[in-house]
Amino acid sequence: MAKIEVNNVFKVFGSNPKKVFPLIEKGLSKEEILEKTGNTIGVNDVSFKVNQGEMFVVMGLSGSGKSTLIRCLNRLIEPTKGDVLIDGENVATADKEKLREIRRKKMAMVFQNFALFPHRTVASNVEYGLEIQGVEPDKRKNKAYEALDLVGLKGYEESMPDELSGGMQQRVGLARALANDPDILLMDEAFSALDPLIRKEMQDELLDLQDKMHKTIVFITHDLDEALKLGDRIVIMKDGAVVQIGTAEEILTEPADEYVREFVQDVDRSKVVTAESIMRKPDALISSKDGPRMAVRKMKEEELSSVYVTDRHRKLKGVVRIEDTMELISDGKKSLDEIIIEDVPTTSPDTPIIDLLPKAKDSEYPIAVVDENEKLLGIIVRASIILGIVGEEE
């Protein structure tokens, strides 16, 4: 079961939202509906699922509906229509008591503006949610200190917010959310108010924390680079509707329409596209049980000067060259073992292209893509790396 399931959610702002739905069905645009009815579509028929432990990024330009959507998840904004399921429970229809319980025990939110109380210490700010829940003072203080330690603010517990930098204040906001130990973190443009360098540091910090915590995170951003860096999957929104859902690589290599294509055209593909997407099956491959004559035959068929060798389980053994193989034949030898070159370039399927460039530059052989058991999955030639960087369409 998905941790979060959003089904056909709409949010219409205005005096008579019901007038909007027949016009949506007729295919009228957001602007046309506003002109005809005076109602604004914030979220338009959005559906998706978020898996347990997933970093799910929702991105779009200003007015795309992303911040409205995240507030529909915890009902800070009431959806006009549709369902939001958290662990199978429908937040959209929950009564006040049930909604309060879900917000307190399962969800926490980190806002763009740090929303810290200036008259409270850092630790006291972090304790606030626990205080509202009636947690006893000693216990909530311990939890606050633990959360601050987790985000790298040990030693600042009794400082005041105005004594901290912007990045540190945002860490306090994150610690406050983590102190409740929620299953789900909702982060609305959490780093966009920070300077670029501090923002990058916070992105790295969040990725490190996620490695430790495995929370389910819905992260809102208007920054494509941030989305590509953080997201296990990314939703791109426009005019309140979902345009595309996919991994960073899927969005870069298979944009759903012209809008997405223009959105991603200036992205540095070398940092996102991975070895798996540009590898291909080897033109020729031999088994370690094959002899030199079989190896020469394969290389002549494919007009190659070398060929990769695997064992019977397709585990990579190395590469043999045609000149070495011909010498074996001249000597009357039948095993390839003594000429297998084991020092060949290898990489994992999830390696970004940028990390392949040094290997491609320094090696005379294609790069072998192998899994964690050294099983050969494919090979990458230099031309494939160049095409991966500039995009096949170019």
Protein backbone atom coordinates (compact mmCIF):
# COMPACT_ATOMS: atom_id res chain seq x y z
CA MET A 1 0.00 0.00 0.00
CA ALA A 2 1.24 3.49 -0.87
CA LYS A 3 2.03 5.76 2.08
CA ILE A 4 0.20 8.66 0.38
CA GLU A 5 -2.42 8.26 -2.32
CA VAL A 6 -3.96 11.27 -4.04
CA ASN A 7 -6.99 10.55 -6.19
CA ASN A 8 -8.57 13.11 -8.53
CA VAL A 9 -8.03 16.07 -6.22
CA PHE A 10 -9.36 19.49 -7.24
CA LYS A 11 -9.10 22.82 -5.44
CA VAL A 12 -11.19 25.68 -6.78
CA PHE A 13 -11.00 29.14 -5.20
CA GLY A 14 -14.11 31.28 -5.58
CA SER A 15 -17.73 31.74 -4.55
CA ASN A 16 -19.26 28.97 -6.64
CA PRO A 17 -16.76 26.15 -7.37
CA LYS A 18 -19.44 23.83 -8.80
CA LYS A 19 -19.77 26.04 -11.90
CA VAL A 20 -16.19 25.18 -12.80
CA PHE A 21 -16.44 21.39 -13.30
CA PRO A 22 -18.59 21.35 -16.46
CA LEU A 23 -16.16 23.85 -18.02
CA ILE A 24 -13.18 21.69 -17.07
CA GLU A 25 -14.87 18.74 -18.77
CA LYS A 26 -15.26 20.84 -21.91
CA GLY A 27 -11.51 21.47 -21.90
CA LEU A 28 -11.50 25.19 -21.11
CA SER A 29 -8.22 26.60 -19.85
CA LYS A 30 -7.58 27.99 -16.38
CA GLU A 31 -7.66 31.56 -17.76
CA GLU A 32 -10.91 31.00 -19.67
CA ILE A 33 -12.61 29.55 -16.59
CA LEU A 34 -11.47 32.48 -14.46
CA GLU A 35 -12.88 34.91 -17.04
CA LYS A 36 -16.23 33.11 -17.28
CA THR A 37 -16.82 32.27 -13.61
CA GLY A 38 -14.50 34.36 -11.45
CA ASN A 39 -13.21 31.11 -9.92
CA THR A 40 -9.54 30.14 -9.91
CA ILE A 41 -8.39 26.55 -10.33
CA GLY A 42 -5.61 25.86 -7.84
CA VAL A 43 -5.40 22.09 -8.33
CA ASN A 44 -6.89 20.35 -11.34
CA ASP A 45 -7.63 16.61 -11.16
CA VAL A 46 -4.31 15.55 -9.59
CA SER A 47 -3.60 11.89 -8.86
CA PHE A 48 -0.40 10.15 -7.72
CA LYS A 49 1.00 7.74 -5.15
CA VAL A 50 3.98 8.23 -2.85
CA ASN A 51 5.74 5.11 -1.58
CA GLN A 52 7.05 4.56 1.93
CA GLY A 53 10.48 6.18 2.34
CA GLU A 54 10.31 8.00 -1.00
CA MET A 55 11.55 11.55 -1.63
CA PHE A 56 8.74 12.81 -3.87
CA VAL A 57 9.34 16.24 -5.39
CA VAL A 58 6.55 18.43 -6.77
CA MET A 59 7.81 21.24 -8.94
CA GLY A 60 6.50 23.96 -11.20
CA LEU A 61 6.62 27.68 -11.80
CA SER A 62 4.76 30.24 -9.70
CA GLY A 63 1.01 29.65 -10.00
CA SER A 64 1.38 26.00 -11.01
CA GLY A 65 -0.53 24.81 -7.93
CA LYS A 66 2.27 23.01 -6.13
CA SER A 67 1.97 24.81 -2.77
CA THR A 68 -1.81 24.54 -2.86
CA LEU A 69 -1.46 20.81 -3.49
CA ILE A 70 0.83 20.15 -0.53
CA ARG A 71 -1.59 21.99 1.77
CA CYS A 72 -4.40 19.76 0.53
CA LEU A 73 -2.41 16.76 1.82
CA ASN A 74 -2.80 17.84 5.45
CA ARG A 75 -5.96 19.89 4.83
CA LEU A 76 -4.50 23.25 5.68
CA ILE A 77 -6.44 23.92 2.48
CA GLU A 78 -9.69 22.00 2.01
CA PRO A 79 -9.81 20.10 -1.30
CA THR A 80 -12.92 20.97 -3.31
CA LYS A 81 -13.14 17.41 -4.59
CA GLY A 82 -11.16 14.17 -4.45
CA ASP A 83 -9.47 11.93 -1.88
CA VAL A 84 -6.16 12.06 0.01
CA LEU A 85 -5.30 8.75 1.68
CA ILE A 86 -2.61 8.46 4.35
CA ASP A 87 -1.96 4.80 5.15
CA GLY A 88 -5.39 4.11 3.66
CA GLU A 89 -7.22 6.70 5.81
CA ASN A 90 -9.00 9.47 3.90
CA VAL A 91 -7.77 12.84 5.16
CA ALA A 92 -10.29 14.64 2.95
CA THR A 93 -13.28 13.18 4.86
CA ALA A 94 -11.74 12.87 8.35
CA ASP A 95 -13.51 14.62 11.22
CA LYS A 96 -11.68 17.25 13.27
CA GLU A 97 -10.46 14.83 15.92
CA LYS A 98 -9.15 12.33 13.39
CA LEU A 99 -7.51 15.07 11.32
CA ARG A 100 -5.81 16.44 14.44
CA GLU A 101 -4.47 12.97 15.25
CA ILE A 102 -3.11 12.49 11.71
CA ARG A 103 -1.42 15.88 11.76
CA ARG A 104 0.15 15.30 15.17
CA LYS A 105 1.30 11.69 14.77
CA LYS A 106 1.88 11.12 11.07
CA MET A 107 2.74 14.44 9.43
CA ALA A 108 4.96 17.44 9.99
CA MET A 109 5.51 20.48 7.80
CA VAL A 110 8.56 22.63 7.12
CA PHE A 111 7.77 26.05 5.64
CA GLN A 112 9.76 28.44 3.45
CA ASN A 113 9.78 31.17 6.08
CA PHE A 114 11.25 29.57 9.15
CA ALA A 115 8.26 30.51 11.36
CA LEU A 116 10.30 30.46 14.57
CA PHE A 117 9.13 32.17 17.75
CA PRO A 118 11.67 34.98 18.33
CA HIS A 119 11.09 35.02 22.13
CA ARG A 120 11.78 31.27 22.55
CA THR A 121 15.16 29.55 22.61
CA VAL A 122 16.11 27.19 19.80
CA ALA A 123 15.27 24.13 21.93
CA SER A 124 12.00 25.70 23.06
CA ASN A 125 11.03 26.28 19.42
CA VAL A 126 11.72 22.64 18.62
CA GLU A 127 9.69 21.52 21.65
CA TYR A 128 6.64 23.50 20.62
CA GLY A 129 4.74 20.73 18.82
CA LEU A 130 5.38 18.31 21.67
CA GLU A 131 4.27 20.95 24.15
CA ILE A 132 0.96 21.32 22.30
CA GLN A 133 0.53 17.56 22.52
CA GLY A 134 0.97 17.67 26.30
CA VAL A 135 4.30 15.81 26.42
CA GLU A 136 5.98 16.23 29.81
CA PRO A 137 8.79 18.86 29.93
CA ASP A 138 11.79 16.56 30.48
CA LYS A 139 10.77 14.20 27.70
CA ARG A 140 10.11 16.92 25.15
CA LYS A 141 13.39 18.66 26.02
CA ASN A 142 15.30 15.42 25.43
CA LYS A 143 13.54 14.93 22.09
CA ALA A 144 14.31 18.52 21.09
CA TYR A 145 18.00 18.08 21.91
CA GLU A 146 18.12 14.81 19.94
CA ALA A 147 16.48 16.42 16.91
CA LEU A 148 18.87 19.39 17.03
CA ASP A 149 21.83 17.02 17.23
CA LEU A 150 20.46 15.18 14.19
CA VAL A 151 20.44 18.38 12.08
CA GLY A 152 23.89 19.49 13.23
CA LEU A 153 22.92 22.11 15.81
CA LYS A 154 24.33 20.52 18.95
CA GLY A 155 25.53 23.30 21.25
CA TYR A 156 22.98 25.85 20.00
CA GLU A 157 20.04 24.55 22.01
CA GLU A 158 19.79 27.56 24.33
CA SER A 159 20.59 30.20 21.70
CA MET A 160 17.94 32.59 20.44
CA PRO A 161 16.77 32.41 16.80
CA ASP A 162 18.19 35.85 15.88
CA GLU A 163 21.64 34.60 16.87
CA LEU A 164 21.56 32.03 14.06
CA SER A 165 22.15 32.33 10.32
CA GLY A 166 19.34 31.70 7.84
CA GLY A 167 20.55 28.18 7.14
CA MET A 168 20.75 27.39 10.86
CA GLN A 169 17.24 28.76 11.42
CA GLN A 170 15.96 26.46 8.69
CA ARG A 171 17.67 23.57 10.45
CA VAL A 172 15.72 24.52 13.57
CA GLY A 173 12.50 24.34 11.54
CA LEU A 174 13.52 20.91 10.27
CA ALA A 175 14.42 19.76 13.79
CA ARG A 176 11.00 20.93 15.03
CA ALA A 177 9.35 18.76 12.39
CA LEU A 178 11.56 15.76 13.23
CA ALA A 179 11.03 16.04 17.00
CA ASN A 180 7.52 14.59 16.60
CA ASP A 181 9.04 11.62 14.72
CA PRO A 182 6.45 11.85 11.93
CA ASP A 183 6.16 9.26 9.15
CA ILE A 184 5.70 12.02 6.57
CA LEU A 185 7.53 15.33 6.07
CA LEU A 186 5.86 17.99 3.94
CA MET A 187 8.43 20.59 2.84
CA ASP A 188 7.09 23.67 1.05
CA GLU A 189 9.89 25.57 -0.72
CA ALA A 190 11.89 24.87 2.42
CA PHE A 191 15.25 26.07 1.05
CA SER A 192 14.23 28.73 -1.46
CA ALA A 193 14.79 31.67 0.93
CA LEU A 194 18.42 30.66 1.49
CA ASP A 195 21.55 31.86 -0.27
CA PRO A 196 22.69 29.47 -3.05
CA LEU A 197 25.65 28.05 -1.13
CA ILE A 198 23.64 27.49 2.06
CA ARG A 199 20.83 26.05 -0.03
CA LYS A 200 23.18 23.45 -1.51
CA GLU A 201 24.40 22.58 1.98
CA MET A 202 20.82 22.08 3.17
CA GLN A 203 20.05 19.86 0.17
CA ASP A 204 23.06 17.70 1.04
CA GLU A 205 22.01 17.69 4.69
CA LEU A 206 18.51 16.53 3.78
CA LEU A 207 19.88 13.70 1.62
CA ASP A 208 22.15 12.60 4.49
CA LEU A 209 19.25 12.72 6.94
CA GLN A 210 17.07 10.72 4.57
CA ASP A 211 19.73 8.01 4.41
CA LYS A 212 19.42 7.69 8.19
CA MET A 213 15.68 8.26 8.68
CA HIS A 214 13.96 6.88 5.56
CA LYS A 215 11.02 9.25 5.98
CA THR A 216 8.36 9.74 3.34
CA ILE A 217 9.02 13.27 2.08
CA VAL A 218 6.94 15.47 -0.23
CA PHE A 219 9.17 18.36 -1.25
CA ILE A 220 7.90 21.44 -3.13
CA THR A 221 10.25 23.50 -5.27
CA HIS A 222 10.32 25.77 -8.31
CA ASP A 223 13.99 24.94 -8.94
CA LEU A 224 14.59 22.17 -11.48
CA ASP A 225 18.17 21.48 -10.36
CA GLU A 226 16.95 21.05 -6.79
CA ALA A 227 14.20 18.70 -7.95
CA LEU A 228 16.63 16.60 -9.99
CA LYS A 229 19.08 16.40 -7.11
CA LEU A 230 16.60 15.46 -4.38
CA GLY A 231 13.75 13.57 -6.03
CA ASP A 232 13.40 9.80 -6.24
CA ARG A 233 10.50 10.80 -8.48
CA ILE A 234 9.38 14.21 -9.69
CA VAL A 235 5.97 15.67 -10.54
CA ILE A 236 5.94 18.62 -12.92
CA MET A 237 2.84 20.80 -12.61
CA LYS A 238 1.37 23.51 -14.82
CA ASP A 239 -1.87 25.47 -14.28
CA GLY A 240 -2.83 23.20 -11.39
CA ALA A 241 -2.49 19.96 -13.37
CA VAL A 242 0.17 17.26 -13.48
CA VAL A 243 2.11 17.32 -16.75
CA GLN A 244 4.53 14.47 -16.03
CA ILE A 245 5.59 12.11 -13.24
CA GLY A 246 8.87 10.24 -13.44
CA THR A 247 12.45 9.86 -12.27
CA ALA A 248 14.92 12.62 -13.06
CA GLU A 249 16.32 10.53 -15.89
CA GLU A 250 12.89 9.76 -17.36
CA ILE A 251 11.96 13.43 -17.38
CA LEU A 252 15.24 14.42 -19.02
CA THR A 253 15.28 11.67 -21.63
CA GLU A 254 11.54 11.25 -22.25
CA PRO A 255 9.84 14.65 -21.73
CA ALA A 256 6.04 14.31 -21.93
CA ASP A 257 5.46 17.40 -24.04
CA GLU A 258 7.00 20.62 -25.32
CA TYR A 259 6.49 22.36 -21.97
CA VAL A 260 8.63 19.78 -20.15
CA ARG A 261 11.14 19.72 -23.01
CA GLU A 262 11.66 23.48 -22.72
CA PHE A 263 11.79 23.19 -18.94
CA VAL A 264 14.70 20.74 -19.00
CA GLN A 265 16.61 21.94 -22.04
CA ASP A 266 19.30 23.78 -20.07
CA VAL A 267 19.90 21.05 -17.49
CA ASP A 268 23.40 19.59 -17.26
CA ARG A 269 22.48 16.08 -18.44
CA SER A 270 25.91 14.71 -17.54
CA LYS A 271 25.02 14.94 -13.84
CA VAL A 272 21.63 13.23 -14.17
CA VAL A 273 21.67 10.73 -17.04
CA THR A 274 23.19 7.44 -15.88
CA ALA A 275 25.24 4.63 -17.35
CA GLU A 276 22.23 2.34 -17.58
CA SER A 277 20.43 4.62 -20.04
CA ILE A 278 23.34 4.84 -22.50
CA MET A 279 24.77 1.33 -22.30
CA ARG A 280 24.11 -1.23 -25.00
CA LYS A 281 24.51 -4.96 -25.36
CA PRO A 282 28.03 -6.00 -26.39
CA ASP A 283 28.38 -6.62 -30.12
CA ALA A 284 30.43 -9.69 -29.26
CA LEU A 285 30.84 -11.65 -26.04
CA ILE A 286 32.57 -14.94 -25.33
CA SER A 287 32.58 -17.36 -22.43
CA SER A 288 35.75 -18.23 -20.54
CA LYS A 289 35.21 -21.84 -21.63
CA ASP A 290 35.53 -20.81 -25.29
CA GLY A 291 38.89 -21.18 -26.97
CA PRO A 292 40.98 -18.71 -28.99
CA ARG A 293 39.51 -19.78 -32.35
CA MET A 294 35.97 -18.95 -31.13
CA ALA A 295 37.23 -15.59 -29.87
CA VAL A 296 38.86 -14.74 -33.20
CA ARG A 297 35.72 -15.76 -35.07
CA LYS A 298 33.56 -13.46 -32.93
CA MET A 299 35.93 -10.54 -33.36
CA LYS A 300 36.12 -11.01 -37.16
CA GLU A 301 32.33 -11.24 -37.43
CA GLU A 302 31.90 -7.93 -35.63
CA GLU A 303 35.09 -6.32 -36.99
CA LEU A 304 36.47 -5.78 -33.49
CA SER A 305 39.99 -5.89 -32.13
CA SER A 306 38.97 -7.03 -28.63
CA VAL A 307 36.09 -8.82 -26.95
CA TYR A 308 34.82 -9.13 -23.39
CA VAL A 309 34.96 -12.49 -21.59
CA THR A 310 32.44 -13.72 -18.98
CA ASP A 311 32.00 -16.96 -17.07
CA ARG A 312 28.94 -19.18 -17.49
CA HIS A 313 27.01 -16.97 -15.02
CA ARG A 314 27.85 -13.90 -17.16
CA LYS A 315 30.23 -12.60 -14.49
CA LEU A 316 32.85 -10.38 -16.09
CA LYS A 317 36.31 -11.95 -16.35
CA GLY A 318 38.03 -9.35 -18.51
CA VAL A 319 38.88 -8.70 -22.15
CA VAL A 320 41.04 -10.42 -24.79
CA ARG A 321 42.75 -8.77 -27.77
CA ILE A 322 42.89 -10.24 -31.23
CA GLU A 323 46.72 -10.15 -31.47
CA ASP A 324 47.08 -12.10 -28.20
CA THR A 325 44.44 -14.59 -29.35
CA MET A 326 46.17 -15.16 -32.70
CA GLU A 327 49.40 -15.86 -30.84
CA LEU A 328 47.66 -18.53 -28.76
CA ILE A 329 46.44 -20.20 -31.95
CA SER A 330 49.98 -20.15 -33.38
CA ASP A 331 51.26 -21.80 -30.21
CA GLY A 332 48.54 -24.47 -30.39
CA LYS A 333 46.98 -23.44 -27.08
CA LYS A 334 43.27 -23.91 -26.43
CA SER A 335 42.58 -21.84 -23.30
CA LEU A 336 42.13 -18.09 -23.10
CA ASP A 337 42.99 -17.84 -19.39
CA GLU A 338 46.57 -16.60 -19.78
CA ILE A 339 45.66 -13.66 -22.06
CA ILE A 340 42.54 -12.36 -20.29
CA ILE A 341 43.21 -8.74 -19.30
CA GLU A 342 41.42 -8.23 -15.98
CA ASP A 343 42.22 -4.52 -15.59
CA VAL A 344 39.29 -3.15 -17.58
CA PRO A 345 37.12 -0.09 -16.83
CA THR A 346 33.85 -0.93 -15.06
CA THR A 347 30.98 1.07 -13.63
CA SER A 348 27.64 0.53 -11.93
CA PRO A 349 24.39 1.19 -13.83
CA ASP A 350 23.49 4.22 -11.70
CA THR A 351 26.74 6.13 -12.27
CA PRO A 352 26.17 9.64 -13.74
CA ILE A 353 27.74 10.24 -17.16
CA ILE A 354 30.03 12.94 -15.76
CA ASP A 355 31.82 10.30 -13.68
CA LEU A 356 32.39 8.14 -16.77
CA LEU A 357 34.37 10.76 -18.69
CA PRO A 358 37.79 10.10 -17.03
CA LYS A 359 37.43 6.35 -17.59
CA ALA A 360 36.42 6.80 -21.22
CA LYS A 361 39.36 9.14 -21.83
CA ASP A 362 42.02 6.88 -20.37
CA SER A 363 40.91 3.42 -21.56
CA GLU A 364 41.31 1.73 -24.94
CA TYR A 365 38.32 -0.52 -24.20
CA PRO A 366 34.59 0.26 -23.81
CA ILE A 367 33.41 0.69 -20.22
CA ALA A 368 31.75 -2.44 -18.86
CA VAL A 369 28.55 -1.87 -16.85
CA VAL A 370 28.28 -4.47 -14.08
CA ASP A 371 25.92 -5.08 -11.16
CA GLU A 372 26.88 -5.66 -7.51
CA ASN A 373 27.78 -9.29 -8.36
CA GLU A 374 30.06 -8.25 -11.25
CA LYS A 375 27.55 -9.58 -13.78
CA LEU A 376 27.98 -7.86 -17.13
CA LEU A 377 24.91 -5.78 -18.02
CA GLY A 378 26.21 -3.87 -21.04
CA ILE A 379 29.01 -1.74 -22.43
CA ILE A 380 29.47 1.97 -23.08
CA VAL A 381 31.54 3.38 -25.93
CA ARG A 382 32.78 6.97 -26.09
CA ALA A 383 30.21 8.02 -28.67
CA SER A 384 27.36 6.93 -26.36
CA ILE A 385 28.70 9.20 -23.62
CA ILE A 386 28.74 12.20 -25.95
CA LEU A 387 25.20 11.45 -27.16
CA GLY A 388 24.05 11.07 -23.57
CA ILE A 389 25.39 14.51 -22.68
CA VAL A 390 23.98 16.46 -25.61
CA GLY A 391 20.80 14.40 -26.00
CA GLU A 392 20.12 11.91 -28.80
CA GLU A 393 17.89 14.36 -30.65
CA GLU A 394 20.96 16.55 -31.26
